[in-house]
Amino acid sequence: MPAALTQSAALAGAADTASFLAGRRRLFREAPQRAFGSVAVLGLWLALAASSKSDRGGRSSGRTVALASLNAAGQFAMLGVHLKHRIAGPRVWLGAALGGAALGGAVTAR
């Protein structure tokens, strides 16, 4: 069950990030660093989902825990930056919650 939490949270995070990018295609012209950063975050979510899926016996591998840790740290850092600038909307909170859930599932399944 915890491994399923990791995979579900990672897929939800990937879907949210992909929808963010799809709705803001102009970012690639107007703010390419931000757009490519979001593409990197999307890749991290997808790598975490794939790693979690490939884990055997419902136990998280070290790779999955490492990816979940990196992802959660990034999501919490992004929340911190948004809070500092007073622009933290629901999506940023959702990303941090999903990052924490993915990490919690990975650590619990260890």
C-alpha atoms as a PDB file:
ATOM      1  CA  MET A   1       0.000   0.000   0.000  1.00  0.00           C
ATOM      2  CA  PRO A   2       2.710   2.624   0.790  1.00  0.00           C
ATOM      3  CA  ALA A   3       4.382   1.933  -2.579  1.00  0.00           C
ATOM      4  CA  ALA A   4       1.026   2.567  -4.254  1.00  0.00           C
ATOM      5  CA  LEU A   5       0.841   5.889  -2.387  1.00  0.00           C
ATOM      6  CA  THR A   6       4.241   6.869  -3.777  1.00  0.00           C
ATOM      7  CA  GLN A   7       3.267   5.993  -7.320  1.00  0.00           C
ATOM      8  CA  SER A   8      -0.167   7.649  -7.093  1.00  0.00           C
ATOM      9  CA  ALA A   9       1.252  10.848  -5.610  1.00  0.00           C
ATOM     10  CA  ALA A  10       3.997  10.945  -8.259  1.00  0.00           C
ATOM     11  CA  LEU A  11       1.501  10.493 -11.087  1.00  0.00           C
ATOM     12  CA  ALA A  12      -0.757  13.185  -9.626  1.00  0.00           C
ATOM     13  CA  GLY A  13       2.220  15.542  -9.328  1.00  0.00           C
ATOM     14  CA  ALA A  14       3.219  14.791 -12.924  1.00  0.00           C
ATOM     15  CA  ALA A  15      -0.317  15.450 -14.136  1.00  0.00           C
ATOM     16  CA  ASP A  16      -0.454  18.754 -12.244  1.00  0.00           C
ATOM     17  CA  THR A  17       2.912  19.876 -13.604  1.00  0.00           C
ATOM     18  CA  ALA A  18       1.989  18.838 -17.154  1.00  0.00           C
ATOM     19  CA  SER A  19      -1.292  20.763 -16.934  1.00  0.00           C
ATOM     20  CA  PHE A  20       0.619  23.809 -15.653  1.00  0.00           C
ATOM     21  CA  LEU A  21       2.922  23.657 -18.685  1.00  0.00           C
ATOM     22  CA  ALA A  22       0.109  22.978 -21.159  1.00  0.00           C
ATOM     23  CA  GLY A  23      -1.819  25.987 -19.910  1.00  0.00           C
ATOM     24  CA  ARG A  24       1.203  28.303 -20.064  1.00  0.00           C
ATOM     25  CA  ARG A  25       2.976  27.480 -23.310  1.00  0.00           C
ATOM     26  CA  ARG A  26       4.030  31.114 -23.630  1.00  0.00           C
ATOM     27  CA  LEU A  27       6.459  30.531 -20.731  1.00  0.00           C
ATOM     28  CA  PHE A  28       8.847  28.883 -23.187  1.00  0.00           C
ATOM     29  CA  ARG A  29       9.139  32.236 -24.983  1.00  0.00           C
ATOM     30  CA  GLU A  30       8.702  34.683 -22.118  1.00  0.00           C
ATOM     31  CA  ALA A  31      10.444  32.863 -19.230  1.00  0.00           C
ATOM     32  CA  PRO A  32      12.372  29.922 -20.635  1.00  0.00           C
ATOM     33  CA  GLN A  33      14.274  29.193 -17.400  1.00  0.00           C
ATOM     34  CA  ARG A  34      11.004  28.845 -15.501  1.00  0.00           C
ATOM     35  CA  ALA A  35       9.531  26.675 -18.249  1.00  0.00           C
ATOM     36  CA  PHE A  36      12.530  24.369 -18.425  1.00  0.00           C
ATOM     37  CA  GLY A  37      12.618  24.177 -14.628  1.00  0.00           C
ATOM     38  CA  SER A  38       9.023  22.983 -14.728  1.00  0.00           C
ATOM     39  CA  VAL A  39       9.948  20.450 -17.412  1.00  0.00           C
ATOM     40  CA  ALA A  40      12.708  19.178 -15.108  1.00  0.00           C
ATOM     41  CA  VAL A  41      10.208  18.879 -12.249  1.00  0.00           C
ATOM     42  CA  LEU A  42       7.875  16.957 -14.564  1.00  0.00           C
ATOM     43  CA  GLY A  43      10.749  14.610 -15.397  1.00  0.00           C
ATOM     44  CA  LEU A  44      11.461  14.100 -11.696  1.00  0.00           C
ATOM     45  CA  TRP A  45       7.815  13.253 -10.973  1.00  0.00           C
ATOM     46  CA  LEU A  46       7.802  10.772 -13.864  1.00  0.00           C
ATOM     47  CA  ALA A  47      11.119   9.220 -12.798  1.00  0.00           C
ATOM     48  CA  LEU A  48       9.737   8.757  -9.295  1.00  0.00           C
ATOM     49  CA  ALA A  49       6.565   7.122 -10.636  1.00  0.00           C
ATOM     50  CA  ALA A  50       8.604   4.789 -12.864  1.00  0.00           C
ATOM     51  CA  SER A  51      11.016   3.891 -10.077  1.00  0.00           C
ATOM     52  CA  SER A  52       8.166   3.171  -7.685  1.00  0.00           C
ATOM     53  CA  LYS A  53       6.459   0.995 -10.286  1.00  0.00           C
ATOM     54  CA  SER A  54       9.621  -1.022 -10.878  1.00  0.00           C
ATOM     55  CA  ASP A  55      10.155  -1.740  -7.171  1.00  0.00           C
ATOM     56  CA  ARG A  56       9.608  -5.404  -6.365  1.00  0.00           C
ATOM     57  CA  GLY A  57       7.517  -6.889  -3.604  1.00  0.00           C
ATOM     58  CA  GLY A  58       5.997  -3.580  -2.549  1.00  0.00           C
ATOM     59  CA  ARG A  59       9.318  -2.477  -1.030  1.00  0.00           C
ATOM     60  CA  SER A  60      10.907   0.806  -2.040  1.00  0.00           C
ATOM     61  CA  SER A  61      14.392   0.708  -3.492  1.00  0.00           C
ATOM     62  CA  GLY A  62      17.092   3.148  -2.468  1.00  0.00           C
ATOM     63  CA  ARG A  63      16.625   4.831  -5.850  1.00  0.00           C
ATOM     64  CA  THR A  64      12.928   5.437  -5.147  1.00  0.00           C
ATOM     65  CA  VAL A  65      13.639   6.852  -1.684  1.00  0.00           C
ATOM     66  CA  ALA A  66      16.353   9.109  -3.131  1.00  0.00           C
ATOM     67  CA  LEU A  67      14.083  10.388  -5.912  1.00  0.00           C
ATOM     68  CA  ALA A  68      11.229  10.924  -3.454  1.00  0.00           C
ATOM     69  CA  SER A  69      13.567  12.795  -1.100  1.00  0.00           C
ATOM     70  CA  LEU A  70      14.893  15.035  -3.874  1.00  0.00           C
ATOM     71  CA  ASN A  71      11.393  15.699  -5.119  1.00  0.00           C
ATOM     72  CA  ALA A  72       9.993  16.507  -1.675  1.00  0.00           C
ATOM     73  CA  ALA A  73      12.902  18.857  -0.957  1.00  0.00           C
ATOM     74  CA  GLY A  74      12.275  20.650  -4.240  1.00  0.00           C
ATOM     75  CA  GLN A  75       8.539  20.915  -3.633  1.00  0.00           C
ATOM     76  CA  PHE A  76       9.043  22.304  -0.126  1.00  0.00           C
ATOM     77  CA  ALA A  77      11.660  24.752  -1.418  1.00  0.00           C
ATOM     78  CA  MET A  78       9.232  25.913  -4.095  1.00  0.00           C
ATOM     79  CA  LEU A  79       6.558  26.398  -1.433  1.00  0.00           C
ATOM     80  CA  GLY A  80       9.032  28.398   0.642  1.00  0.00           C
ATOM     81  CA  VAL A  81       9.908  30.685  -2.255  1.00  0.00           C
ATOM     82  CA  HIS A  82       6.242  31.238  -3.058  1.00  0.00           C
ATOM     83  CA  LEU A  83       5.447  31.968   0.597  1.00  0.00           C
ATOM     84  CA  LYS A  84       8.344  34.429   0.820  1.00  0.00           C
ATOM     85  CA  HIS A  85       6.948  36.351  -2.146  1.00  0.00           C
ATOM     86  CA  ARG A  86       3.369  36.007  -0.865  1.00  0.00           C
ATOM     87  CA  ILE A  87       2.165  34.264  -4.006  1.00  0.00           C
ATOM     88  CA  ALA A  88       1.541  30.741  -2.692  1.00  0.00           C
ATOM     89  CA  GLY A  89      -1.613  29.469  -4.337  1.00  0.00           C
ATOM     90  CA  PRO A  90      -3.337  26.102  -4.044  1.00  0.00           C
ATOM     91  CA  ARG A  91      -1.145  24.444  -6.685  1.00  0.00           C
ATOM     92  CA  VAL A  92       2.048  25.117  -4.725  1.00  0.00           C
ATOM     93  CA  TRP A  93       0.489  23.691  -1.562  1.00  0.00           C
ATOM     94  CA  LEU A  94      -0.715  20.678  -3.546  1.00  0.00           C
ATOM     95  CA  GLY A  95       2.783  20.055  -4.915  1.00  0.00           C
ATOM     96  CA  ALA A  96       4.272  20.121  -1.410  1.00  0.00           C
ATOM     97  CA  ALA A  97       1.546  17.794  -0.110  1.00  0.00           C
ATOM     98  CA  LEU A  98       2.065  15.351  -2.975  1.00  0.00           C
ATOM     99  CA  GLY A  99       5.841  15.494  -2.520  1.00  0.00           C
ATOM    100  CA  GLY A 100       5.435  14.725   1.176  1.00  0.00           C
ATOM    101  CA  ALA A 101       2.970  11.897   0.481  1.00  0.00           C
ATOM    102  CA  ALA A 102       5.301  10.354  -2.119  1.00  0.00           C
ATOM    103  CA  LEU A 103       8.223  10.493   0.312  1.00  0.00           C
ATOM    104  CA  GLY A 104       6.139   9.129   3.166  1.00  0.00           C
ATOM    105  CA  GLY A 105       4.982   6.226   1.024  1.00  0.00           C
ATOM    106  CA  ALA A 106       8.528   5.473  -0.133  1.00  0.00           C
ATOM    107  CA  VAL A 107       9.999   5.544   3.365  1.00  0.00           C
ATOM    108  CA  THR A 108       7.167   3.471   4.849  1.00  0.00           C
ATOM    109  CA  ALA A 109       7.559   0.836   2.122  1.00  0.00           C
ATOM    110  CA  ARG A 110      11.272   0.530   2.857  1.00  0.00           C
END
